[in-house]
Amino acid sequence: MKKLLVLGLIIILFSGCLPQQTEPTANVSDIIATLVAATLTTEPQSKDQPGQTVSASVSTVTPDPAAQATDTPEFTPTLTLTPTPTETPTLTETPTLTPSATDASTSTLAPEDPVLSLGVPSAKDTFDNGSIIYQYSDSEFSFQVEDDQFVMVAKKTNSYETWSLSWEDLTNFYLEITGTFGQDCAGKDRYGMIFRAPDTSEGYLITISCDGQYRLSTYESEDDEYTVIKNWTSSSSINQGAGGENRLGVKVKGDKITGYINGQKVFELNDSTFSHGRFGVLVKAANTAGFTAHLDQVVYWKLP
């Protein structure tokens, strides 16, 4: 009997020394759900204006820092806004592209200049009635029609190369822009075109830089892969530096891609990465914050 009493006392004393289990305030699934909800609340759904559909005609990608010798970018596509029907201009067809006093770069056309043989353009936009290119502006970039020009501004010197698209899907064509480097430009500050873009975040990219070079590349968003097809190449055909005006053109038929600068053929090669898609214009400030490019026209001819 005494042994039982002693054993009972030992059990009571031992149990009193054990920590008491507290009632949980929330189960694990509730905590996880709360954290997920908080993340979704704070995560930006789009870097653009609230209430807009995130189905882009403007896309930003992260390309190379111009200072790097390899000039090989890493890309992170970002979708933005969708153009509204009210921004669609009325296109006018012009019988010929003739030189004018304000178009010094075409005052003497090269014999191989495509505009001499293509005839009436399929579409020509001189930005006097809106633009076929989507207009957009945020804290880093701006694509706006101002005084009958399409003005592209890269407001910050950073790693972004940004484009804005038109709506028409093209397969075989000659596409050309007439543009001018802004009053502040240097090095690899650049502008150009995206073409055969199957969606808003990939396509062919052709650019000309303030220091008188051009480049052709592709970006494939599915594989996050950037490929230089024709690396930076100097060309005497480029009117380089601040205020330099240039016609940048690309002729695409099947797998053949031919590049033109001021009517002069600068390259011809074959590539089959993209077979068709939309087109647009792009800009990047590699050296100069606020780098600006002014476009006087976008014109294209559909080819058989």
Protein backbone atom coordinates (compact mmCIF):
# COMPACT_ATOMS: atom_id res chain seq x y z
CA MET A 1 0.00 0.00 0.00
CA LYS A 2 2.83 2.38 0.91
CA LYS A 3 4.52 1.50 -2.38
CA LEU A 4 1.36 2.43 -4.30
CA LEU A 5 1.07 5.78 -2.50
CA VAL A 6 4.71 6.60 -3.23
CA LEU A 7 4.27 5.63 -6.89
CA GLY A 8 1.17 7.82 -7.15
CA LEU A 9 2.98 10.82 -5.68
CA ILE A 10 5.87 10.37 -8.14
CA ILE A 11 3.48 10.31 -11.12
CA ILE A 12 1.68 13.47 -9.91
CA LEU A 13 4.95 15.35 -9.35
CA PHE A 14 6.34 14.28 -12.76
CA SER A 15 3.20 15.31 -14.63
CA GLY A 16 3.29 18.71 -12.94
CA CYS A 17 6.77 19.33 -14.31
CA LEU A 18 5.73 18.72 -17.95
CA PRO A 19 4.98 21.86 -20.06
CA GLN A 20 1.31 22.46 -20.68
CA GLN A 21 0.23 22.33 -24.37
CA THR A 22 -1.42 25.59 -25.42
CA GLU A 23 -4.38 25.79 -27.80
CA PRO A 24 -3.23 26.92 -31.29
CA THR A 25 -4.56 30.28 -32.41
CA ALA A 26 -4.75 29.18 -36.07
CA ASN A 27 -4.05 25.98 -37.91
CA VAL A 28 -1.30 25.70 -40.51
CA SER A 29 -3.62 25.88 -43.50
CA ASP A 30 -5.15 29.12 -42.18
CA ILE A 31 -1.70 30.66 -41.76
CA ILE A 32 -0.65 29.65 -45.28
CA ALA A 33 -3.89 31.00 -46.72
CA THR A 34 -3.32 34.30 -44.94
CA LEU A 35 0.23 34.59 -46.28
CA VAL A 36 -0.90 33.82 -49.83
CA ALA A 37 -3.69 36.39 -49.59
CA ALA A 38 -1.23 38.99 -48.33
CA THR A 39 1.16 38.21 -51.19
CA LEU A 40 -1.58 38.51 -53.79
CA THR A 41 -2.69 41.79 -52.26
CA THR A 42 0.77 43.35 -52.34
CA GLU A 43 1.99 41.83 -55.62
CA PRO A 44 1.50 44.34 -58.48
CA GLN A 45 -0.81 42.90 -61.10
CA SER A 46 0.54 45.30 -63.71
CA LYS A 47 3.00 48.15 -63.69
CA ASP A 48 0.45 50.24 -65.57
CA GLN A 49 -2.73 52.14 -64.86
CA PRO A 50 -5.26 50.35 -62.64
CA GLY A 51 -8.25 48.74 -64.25
CA GLN A 52 -6.51 48.09 -67.56
CA THR A 53 -6.47 44.71 -69.26
CA VAL A 54 -3.04 43.14 -69.11
CA SER A 55 -2.97 42.07 -72.74
CA ALA A 56 -0.08 43.94 -74.16
CA SER A 57 0.82 45.89 -77.20
CA VAL A 58 3.74 47.34 -75.31
CA SER A 59 6.43 45.09 -73.94
CA THR A 60 9.62 45.67 -72.00
CA VAL A 61 12.54 43.31 -72.00
CA THR A 62 15.82 43.38 -70.15
CA PRO A 63 18.64 43.58 -72.68
CA ASP A 64 22.34 43.97 -72.41
CA PRO A 65 24.10 46.80 -70.63
CA ALA A 66 25.73 48.68 -73.50
CA ALA A 67 29.00 48.90 -71.61
CA GLN A 68 29.49 45.15 -71.66
CA ALA A 69 31.80 43.97 -74.41
CA THR A 70 29.77 40.82 -75.04
CA ASP A 71 26.58 42.83 -75.44
CA THR A 72 24.50 39.76 -74.52
CA PRO A 73 21.27 40.60 -72.70
CA GLU A 74 19.08 38.73 -70.29
CA PHE A 75 15.37 39.27 -70.83
CA THR A 76 12.39 39.52 -68.53
CA PRO A 77 9.31 40.35 -70.64
CA THR A 78 6.65 42.48 -68.99
CA LEU A 79 3.16 42.85 -70.40
CA THR A 80 1.37 46.18 -70.34
CA LEU A 81 -1.64 47.89 -71.83
CA THR A 82 -4.00 47.08 -74.67
CA PRO A 83 -4.72 49.76 -77.27
CA THR A 84 -8.25 51.04 -77.52
CA PRO A 85 -10.16 51.23 -80.83
CA THR A 86 -10.35 55.02 -80.55
CA GLU A 87 -6.59 55.23 -81.07
CA THR A 88 -6.72 53.65 -84.52
CA PRO A 89 -5.87 56.27 -87.15
CA THR A 90 -7.04 56.48 -90.72
CA LEU A 91 -4.22 55.40 -93.00
CA THR A 92 -3.60 57.12 -96.28
CA GLU A 93 -2.06 55.46 -99.29
CA THR A 94 0.56 57.54 -101.04
CA PRO A 95 1.35 56.89 -104.73
CA THR A 96 5.11 57.31 -104.26
CA LEU A 97 7.70 58.02 -101.63
CA THR A 98 9.35 61.04 -103.18
CA PRO A 99 12.16 63.09 -101.62
CA SER A 100 11.24 66.35 -99.98
CA ALA A 101 13.03 69.25 -98.33
CA THR A 102 12.39 67.72 -94.92
CA ASP A 103 13.57 64.26 -95.99
CA ALA A 104 17.24 64.85 -96.70
CA SER A 105 18.13 61.18 -96.35
CA THR A 106 16.16 60.33 -99.52
CA SER A 107 17.36 63.26 -101.62
CA THR A 108 19.53 60.80 -103.57
CA LEU A 109 18.08 57.31 -103.71
CA ALA A 110 20.43 54.36 -104.06
CA PRO A 111 19.81 52.10 -107.07
CA GLU A 112 18.93 49.18 -104.76
CA ASP A 113 16.54 51.28 -102.68
CA PRO A 114 13.33 49.18 -102.38
CA VAL A 115 11.05 52.23 -102.55
CA LEU A 116 12.03 52.72 -106.20
CA SER A 117 10.39 49.48 -107.29
CA LEU A 118 7.66 48.64 -104.80
CA GLY A 119 5.05 51.14 -105.96
CA VAL A 120 2.12 52.16 -103.77
CA PRO A 121 2.58 51.27 -100.08
CA SER A 122 0.08 48.98 -98.39
CA ALA A 123 -0.01 51.50 -95.52
CA LYS A 124 1.79 54.70 -94.62
CA ASP A 125 1.49 56.53 -91.31
CA THR A 126 2.82 60.08 -91.00
CA PHE A 127 1.29 60.60 -87.54
CA ASP A 128 -0.96 63.50 -88.48
CA ASN A 129 -4.04 61.54 -87.39
CA GLY A 130 -2.96 59.43 -84.44
CA SER A 131 -0.82 56.37 -85.08
CA ILE A 132 -1.03 52.75 -86.13
CA ILE A 133 1.46 52.17 -83.28
CA TYR A 134 -0.01 51.99 -79.80
CA GLN A 135 0.63 55.09 -77.66
CA TYR A 136 1.73 54.55 -74.08
CA SER A 137 3.60 56.33 -71.30
CA ASP A 138 4.85 55.50 -67.80
CA SER A 139 7.69 56.51 -65.48
CA GLU A 140 10.32 54.83 -67.65
CA PHE A 141 9.16 55.06 -71.27
CA SER A 142 6.92 57.07 -73.53
CA PHE A 143 5.47 56.37 -76.98
CA GLN A 144 3.39 59.39 -77.99
CA VAL A 145 2.38 61.37 -81.07
CA GLU A 146 3.58 64.97 -80.74
CA ASP A 147 3.48 67.59 -83.51
CA ASP A 148 2.95 65.01 -86.26
CA GLN A 149 5.81 62.83 -85.07
CA PHE A 150 5.89 59.58 -83.13
CA VAL A 151 8.18 60.39 -80.20
CA MET A 152 9.84 57.57 -78.28
CA VAL A 153 11.53 58.43 -74.97
CA ALA A 154 13.61 56.16 -72.73
CA LYS A 155 13.46 58.21 -69.54
CA LYS A 156 16.06 56.28 -67.56
CA THR A 157 19.44 54.82 -68.33
CA ASN A 158 18.77 51.21 -67.45
CA SER A 159 18.64 47.71 -68.84
CA TYR A 160 15.27 47.92 -70.54
CA GLU A 161 14.61 47.81 -74.26
CA THR A 162 10.95 48.55 -74.92
CA TRP A 163 8.72 48.33 -77.94
CA SER A 164 5.19 49.27 -78.91
CA LEU A 165 3.27 47.30 -81.53
CA SER A 166 0.79 47.85 -84.31
CA TRP A 167 -2.07 45.41 -84.83
CA GLU A 168 -1.55 43.88 -88.29
CA ASP A 169 0.01 40.46 -88.72
CA LEU A 170 2.42 40.41 -91.67
CA THR A 171 4.30 37.56 -93.36
CA ASN A 172 6.25 38.88 -96.36
CA PHE A 173 6.82 42.63 -96.53
CA TYR A 174 9.14 45.60 -96.72
CA LEU A 175 8.87 47.73 -93.58
CA GLU A 176 10.56 51.09 -93.10
CA ILE A 177 10.71 53.87 -90.52
CA THR A 178 12.15 57.35 -90.92
CA GLY A 179 13.60 58.57 -87.64
CA THR A 180 15.93 61.09 -86.03
CA PHE A 181 18.24 60.76 -83.04
CA GLY A 182 17.38 63.28 -80.32
CA GLN A 183 19.64 66.15 -79.32
CA ASP A 184 21.12 64.12 -76.47
CA CYS A 185 22.47 60.75 -77.52
CA ALA A 186 25.68 58.76 -77.23
CA GLY A 187 27.12 55.30 -77.73
CA LYS A 188 24.53 52.54 -77.95
CA ASP A 189 21.49 54.75 -77.34
CA ARG A 190 19.27 53.29 -80.02
CA TYR A 191 15.92 52.90 -81.70
CA GLY A 192 14.53 50.55 -84.29
CA MET A 193 11.82 48.04 -85.09
CA ILE A 194 10.41 44.74 -83.95
CA PHE A 195 8.88 42.60 -86.70
CA ARG A 196 7.33 39.17 -87.19
CA ALA A 197 6.32 39.29 -83.55
CA PRO A 198 3.97 36.31 -82.94
CA ASP A 199 3.01 37.87 -79.60
CA THR A 200 3.87 40.97 -77.62
CA SER A 201 7.01 39.62 -75.98
CA GLU A 202 9.07 38.16 -78.83
CA GLY A 203 10.15 38.68 -82.41
CA TYR A 204 12.99 39.99 -84.57
CA LEU A 205 14.68 43.20 -83.38
CA ILE A 206 16.60 45.54 -85.67
CA THR A 207 18.19 48.69 -84.28
CA ILE A 208 20.56 51.53 -85.17
CA SER A 209 22.69 53.26 -82.55
CA CYS A 210 23.86 56.81 -81.98
CA ASP A 211 27.46 55.79 -82.66
CA GLY A 212 26.63 54.59 -86.17
CA GLN A 213 26.08 50.85 -85.84
CA TYR A 214 23.22 48.43 -86.50
CA ARG A 215 22.24 45.03 -85.10
CA LEU A 216 19.74 42.25 -85.84
CA SER A 217 18.64 39.82 -83.14
CA THR A 218 15.76 37.68 -81.94
CA TYR A 219 14.13 37.15 -78.60
CA GLU A 220 12.12 33.99 -77.89
CA SER A 221 10.11 34.45 -74.70
CA GLU A 222 9.12 30.80 -74.23
CA ASP A 223 12.75 29.75 -73.84
CA ASP A 224 13.87 33.12 -72.47
CA GLU A 225 16.48 33.09 -75.23
CA TYR A 226 18.12 36.08 -76.87
CA THR A 227 20.10 35.44 -80.04
CA VAL A 228 22.28 37.89 -81.96
CA ILE A 229 21.96 37.14 -85.67
CA LYS A 230 24.00 40.09 -86.92
CA ASN A 231 26.10 41.69 -84.19
CA TRP A 232 26.83 45.40 -83.91
CA THR A 233 28.29 46.49 -87.24
CA SER A 234 29.45 49.96 -88.24
CA SER A 235 27.94 51.43 -91.40
CA SER A 236 28.82 54.59 -93.26
CA SER A 237 25.19 54.66 -94.42
CA ILE A 238 24.06 55.72 -90.93
CA ASN A 239 23.77 59.44 -90.19
CA GLN A 240 25.04 59.09 -86.64
CA GLY A 241 24.98 61.40 -83.66
CA ALA A 242 22.48 63.89 -82.30
CA GLY A 243 20.04 65.06 -84.96
CA GLY A 244 21.02 62.34 -87.44
CA GLU A 245 18.07 61.32 -89.63
CA ASN A 246 17.84 57.82 -91.07
CA ARG A 247 15.55 55.49 -92.94
CA LEU A 248 15.76 52.03 -91.41
CA GLY A 249 14.18 49.29 -93.49
CA VAL A 250 13.86 45.53 -93.52
CA LYS A 251 12.67 43.30 -96.35
CA VAL A 252 11.39 39.89 -95.31
CA LYS A 253 10.34 37.15 -97.71
CA GLY A 254 10.25 33.55 -96.57
CA ASP A 255 13.43 32.93 -94.59
CA LYS A 256 15.37 35.73 -96.29
CA ILE A 257 15.89 38.94 -94.31
CA THR A 258 17.50 41.97 -95.94
CA GLY A 259 18.40 45.12 -94.03
CA TYR A 260 18.53 48.63 -95.49
CA ILE A 261 19.75 51.93 -94.11
CA ASN A 262 18.91 55.04 -96.12
CA GLY A 263 18.19 52.83 -99.11
CA GLN A 264 21.56 51.06 -98.97
CA LYS A 265 21.53 47.30 -98.47
CA VAL A 266 23.67 46.52 -95.40
CA PHE A 267 23.01 42.81 -94.94
CA GLU A 268 21.17 39.82 -96.36
CA LEU A 269 20.80 36.52 -94.55
CA ASN A 270 18.47 33.60 -93.89
CA ASP A 271 16.71 32.88 -90.61
CA SER A 272 13.53 30.92 -89.87
CA THR A 273 12.93 31.69 -86.19
CA PHE A 274 9.65 33.52 -86.83
CA SER A 275 7.47 33.15 -89.92
CA HIS A 276 4.97 35.98 -89.36
CA GLY A 277 3.69 38.42 -86.78
CA ARG A 278 3.02 42.01 -85.85
CA PHE A 279 5.47 44.89 -86.10
CA GLY A 280 6.34 47.87 -83.97
CA VAL A 281 9.02 50.32 -82.92
CA LEU A 282 11.50 50.19 -80.04
CA VAL A 283 13.84 52.41 -78.04
CA LYS A 284 16.60 52.06 -75.45
CA ALA A 285 18.74 54.53 -73.49
CA ALA A 286 22.05 52.77 -73.04
CA ASN A 287 24.03 55.91 -72.19
CA THR A 288 21.69 58.90 -71.99
CA ALA A 289 18.75 59.24 -69.60
CA GLY A 290 15.86 60.71 -71.55
CA PHE A 291 17.17 59.51 -74.91
CA THR A 292 14.58 60.45 -77.52
CA ALA A 293 13.95 59.28 -81.07
CA HIS A 294 11.54 61.10 -83.39
CA LEU A 295 9.78 59.14 -86.13
CA ASP A 296 8.38 60.96 -89.15
CA GLN A 297 6.73 57.96 -90.73
CA VAL A 298 6.16 54.23 -90.71
CA VAL A 299 5.43 52.63 -94.06
CA TYR A 300 5.15 49.08 -95.34
CA TRP A 301 4.47 47.12 -98.49
CA LYS A 302 2.99 43.63 -98.38
CA LEU A 303 4.88 41.23 -100.64
CA PRO A 304 3.56 38.11 -102.37
